[in-house]
Protein backbone atom coordinates (compact mmCIF):
# COMPACT_ATOMS: atom_id res chain seq x y z
CA MET A 1 -13.13 34.11 -111.01
CA GLN A 2 -12.70 37.75 -109.65
CA SER A 3 -14.45 36.28 -106.38
CA PHE A 4 -11.83 33.54 -105.89
CA ARG A 5 -8.89 36.22 -106.24
CA ASN A 6 -10.49 38.46 -103.53
CA ARG A 7 -10.74 35.44 -101.26
CA ARG A 8 -7.15 34.37 -102.01
CA TRP A 9 -5.86 38.23 -101.65
CA LEU A 10 -7.93 38.39 -98.33
CA ASN A 11 -6.50 35.10 -97.11
CA GLU A 12 -2.97 36.25 -98.20
CA LEU A 13 -3.53 39.23 -96.30
CA GLY A 14 -4.83 37.61 -93.09
CA ALA A 15 -1.97 35.43 -93.20
CA GLY A 16 0.34 38.58 -93.56
CA VAL A 17 -1.24 40.35 -90.75
CA ALA A 18 -1.07 37.28 -88.48
CA LEU A 19 2.82 36.89 -89.39
CA LEU A 20 3.19 40.79 -88.37
CA VAL A 21 1.41 40.47 -85.14
CA SER A 22 3.61 37.28 -84.45
CA LEU A 23 6.74 39.07 -84.99
CA ILE A 24 5.63 42.50 -82.96
CA SER A 25 4.98 39.81 -80.14
CA LEU A 26 7.93 38.08 -80.52
CA TRP A 27 9.78 41.33 -80.60
CA VAL A 28 7.85 42.66 -77.31
CA GLY A 29 8.86 39.31 -75.54
CA VAL A 30 12.48 39.84 -76.33
CA ARG A 31 12.54 43.34 -75.46
CA THR A 32 10.55 42.66 -72.18
CA GLU A 33 12.98 39.84 -71.41
CA GLN A 34 16.05 41.95 -71.92
CA ALA A 35 14.60 44.63 -69.80
CA ASN A 36 14.17 42.12 -66.94
CA SER A 37 17.43 40.65 -67.56
CA LYS A 38 18.82 44.22 -67.07
CA MET A 39 16.71 44.89 -63.85
CA VAL A 40 17.78 41.74 -62.17
CA ASP A 41 21.29 42.43 -63.18
CA ALA A 42 20.99 45.99 -61.75
CA ASN A 43 19.45 44.58 -58.42
CA TYR A 44 22.34 42.11 -58.21
CA ARG A 45 25.02 44.84 -58.58
CA MET A 46 23.04 46.98 -55.98
CA VAL A 47 23.10 43.96 -53.45
CA ALA A 48 26.88 43.04 -54.21
CA ALA A 49 27.68 46.54 -53.74
CA ALA A 50 26.14 46.93 -50.50
CA SER A 51 28.24 43.85 -49.19
CA TRP A 52 31.38 44.68 -50.94
CA PRO A 53 34.54 44.03 -48.67
CA PHE A 54 37.79 45.87 -48.96
CA LEU A 55 41.05 45.10 -47.21
CA GLN A 56 43.55 47.56 -45.98
CA LEU A 57 46.69 47.16 -43.74
CA ASP A 58 47.10 49.15 -40.57
CA SER A 59 50.64 49.57 -39.24
CA GLY A 60 51.89 51.34 -35.77
CA ASN A 61 54.66 51.28 -33.33
CA GLY A 62 52.45 52.17 -30.45
CA ASP A 63 49.66 50.46 -28.61
CA ASP A 64 46.65 52.22 -26.67
CA GLN A 65 48.82 52.77 -23.65
CA GLY A 66 51.72 54.30 -25.77
CA ARG A 67 53.89 51.35 -25.20
CA PRO A 68 56.24 50.75 -27.87
CA VAL A 69 54.61 47.53 -29.71
CA ILE A 70 55.00 47.33 -33.55
CA SER A 71 51.72 45.91 -34.86
CA LEU A 72 50.54 44.88 -38.39
CA THR A 73 46.73 44.73 -38.52
CA LEU A 74 44.46 43.50 -41.35
CA GLN A 75 41.21 45.96 -41.61
CA ASN A 76 38.02 45.62 -43.56
CA ALA A 77 37.13 48.99 -44.65
CA GLY A 78 34.44 47.96 -47.04
CA VAL A 79 30.53 47.35 -46.38
CA GLY A 80 30.28 43.72 -46.33
CA PRO A 81 31.98 40.69 -44.46
CA ALA A 82 35.18 39.18 -46.15
CA LYS A 83 36.38 35.62 -46.10
CA ILE A 84 39.96 35.92 -45.93
CA GLU A 85 41.16 32.62 -47.82
CA THR A 86 44.87 33.13 -48.08
CA PHE A 87 47.62 35.80 -46.58
CA GLU A 88 51.26 35.86 -47.56
CA LEU A 89 53.66 38.25 -46.33
CA PHE A 90 56.68 39.18 -48.22
CA TRP A 91 60.55 40.64 -47.47
CA LYS A 92 62.56 41.47 -50.30
CA GLY A 93 60.26 38.90 -52.42
CA ARG A 94 60.50 35.70 -50.14
CA ALA A 95 57.50 34.56 -48.27
CA TYR A 96 57.78 34.16 -44.36
CA PRO A 97 55.43 31.80 -42.35
CA ASN A 98 55.46 33.86 -39.11
CA ALA A 99 56.86 36.68 -37.26
CA ASP A 100 59.78 34.97 -35.66
CA ALA A 101 61.13 33.83 -39.10
CA LEU A 102 60.87 37.15 -40.46
CA LEU A 103 62.87 38.82 -37.65
CA LYS A 104 65.34 36.35 -38.13
CA ALA A 105 65.71 37.05 -41.52
CA CYS A 106 65.70 40.71 -41.72
CA CYS A 107 66.65 42.11 -38.45
CA ALA A 108 67.96 39.89 -36.01
CA GLU A 109 71.42 40.13 -33.99
CA PRO A 110 73.32 37.31 -32.44
CA ASN A 111 72.49 35.71 -29.44
CA LEU A 112 69.28 38.05 -28.75
CA SER A 113 66.04 36.85 -27.32
CA TRP A 114 62.59 38.23 -28.28
CA ALA A 115 58.91 37.69 -28.07
CA THR A 116 56.88 37.90 -31.00
CA MET A 117 53.04 37.57 -31.65
CA THR A 118 51.73 35.59 -34.82
CA ASN A 119 48.06 35.47 -35.25
CA PRO A 120 46.40 33.28 -38.20
CA ALA A 121 45.86 35.69 -40.88
CA SER A 122 43.47 33.71 -43.00
CA GLY A 123 40.87 31.06 -42.78
CA PHE A 124 38.35 33.21 -41.24
CA VAL A 125 35.60 36.01 -41.80
CA LEU A 126 36.39 39.72 -40.95
CA ARG A 127 33.29 41.64 -40.79
CA ALA A 128 32.80 45.25 -42.00
CA GLY A 129 34.70 47.41 -39.75
CA ASP A 130 36.45 44.93 -38.06
CA SER A 131 40.16 44.41 -37.70
CA ARG A 132 42.57 41.72 -36.65
CA ARG A 133 46.18 42.12 -35.55
CA PHE A 134 48.38 39.17 -37.10
CA PHE A 135 51.69 40.53 -35.99
CA GLY A 136 52.84 41.94 -32.79
CA PHE A 137 56.40 42.83 -31.57
CA ALA A 138 57.02 44.79 -28.23
CA ARG A 139 60.44 46.45 -27.31
CA SER A 140 62.29 45.48 -24.93
CA ALA A 141 65.74 46.46 -23.26
CA GLN A 142 67.03 43.17 -24.89
CA ASN A 143 65.44 43.61 -28.40
CA ALA A 144 65.70 47.33 -28.71
CA GLY A 145 68.07 47.10 -31.77
CA VAL A 146 66.05 44.34 -33.55
CA TRP A 147 62.87 46.36 -32.83
CA ALA A 148 64.39 49.61 -34.19
CA LYS A 149 65.47 47.85 -37.26
CA PHE A 150 62.02 46.29 -37.83
CA ASP A 151 60.22 49.67 -37.34
CA GLN A 152 61.91 50.88 -40.61
CA VAL A 153 61.69 47.77 -42.38
CA ARG A 154 58.00 47.64 -42.15
CA PHE A 155 57.50 50.88 -43.86
CA SER A 156 59.50 50.21 -47.20
CA GLU A 157 60.33 46.41 -47.42
CA LEU A 158 57.41 44.50 -46.61
CA SER A 159 54.89 43.41 -49.16
CA TYR A 160 51.94 41.28 -49.05
CA ARG A 161 49.17 39.12 -51.09
CA VAL A 162 45.94 38.55 -49.75
CA CYS A 163 42.95 36.67 -51.54
CA TYR A 164 39.61 37.17 -50.15
CA CYS A 165 36.03 36.70 -51.19
CA SER A 166 32.57 38.26 -50.44
CA VAL A 167 29.40 36.44 -49.36
CA PHE A 168 28.58 36.04 -53.14
CA GLU A 169 32.09 34.23 -53.83
CA GLU A 170 33.28 37.28 -55.50
CA CYS A 171 36.90 37.06 -55.03
CA TRP A 172 39.94 39.62 -55.36
CA ILE A 173 43.69 39.54 -54.60
CA THR A 174 45.07 42.77 -52.88
CA GLY A 175 48.62 43.97 -51.98
CA LEU A 176 47.03 45.91 -49.15
CA THR A 177 48.88 49.00 -49.67
CA ASN A 178 46.58 50.88 -52.33
CA LEU A 179 43.51 51.11 -53.28
CA GLN A 180 43.50 48.34 -55.94
CA ALA A 181 42.03 44.74 -55.68
CA GLN A 182 42.44 42.54 -58.53
CA PRO A 183 39.19 40.17 -59.38
CA VAL A 184 39.87 36.50 -59.48
CA LYS A 185 37.91 33.35 -60.11
CA GLN A 186 39.33 31.57 -57.05
CA CYS A 187 42.09 31.86 -54.35
CA ARG A 188 44.95 29.51 -55.03
CA VAL A 189 46.53 28.06 -51.68
CA PRO A 190 50.10 29.63 -51.32
CA ALA A 191 53.31 27.78 -50.79
CA VAL A 192 54.23 29.83 -47.77
CA PRO A 193 51.24 31.17 -45.93
CA PHE A 194 51.87 33.55 -43.02
CA GLY A 195 50.59 32.65 -39.66
CA GLU A 196 52.14 29.24 -39.03
CA LEU A 197 53.40 28.65 -35.67
CA PRO A 198 57.21 28.79 -35.56
CA LYS A 199 59.62 26.26 -34.47
CA LEU A 200 61.15 27.62 -31.21
CA PRO A 201 65.16 27.41 -31.34
CA GLN A 202 66.80 27.67 -27.76
CA GLY A 203 67.10 31.38 -26.55
CA ASN A 204 64.03 32.67 -28.39
CA VAL A 205 60.53 32.65 -27.20
CA ALA A 206 57.27 32.70 -29.97
CA THR A 207 53.82 33.53 -28.42
CA ARG A 208 50.34 33.23 -29.89
CA ARG A 209 47.59 35.21 -28.47
């Protein structure tokens, strides 16, 4: 009888040890998986950080030769390429499709002619450190009043909304005027994207280059 009890106790002890070993192995496996997951996540974050794009606005009223030209330029100040998905330009809360329409609304005088330049501001990739001018307006004797007015407008009355993505399909919306960019799941097509070819009324000239 005593021998039977001893064997039973030994069997129960062996089962308990086996269960304990299984639990320890399971715990080790879970911890290893957690550590591997953290390492993968950390590696992804490092690669994503090394490919992070960031858009800014550069605005000026003179070209490299010192000529009076108002330029609005999109710059990628990040370390990775930016896929520019959508671009909107607003004056007093209303979106405008091109430079010509904007000038007519904010600054035009009757019976004046001017030449503007509007480049597509979306649908392309901007490499790190690169820039793209999307608006250009050269001063002339005929448009000096409009030019001077817009030179003031560009400082305080214009606003922007740009949606762009990294090569990892991480997307952001930015207003270009500060260091804030809001993460979004995807870029939505705006009702009035900036960069459309203007309709040319008589007496006004719009060019794209």
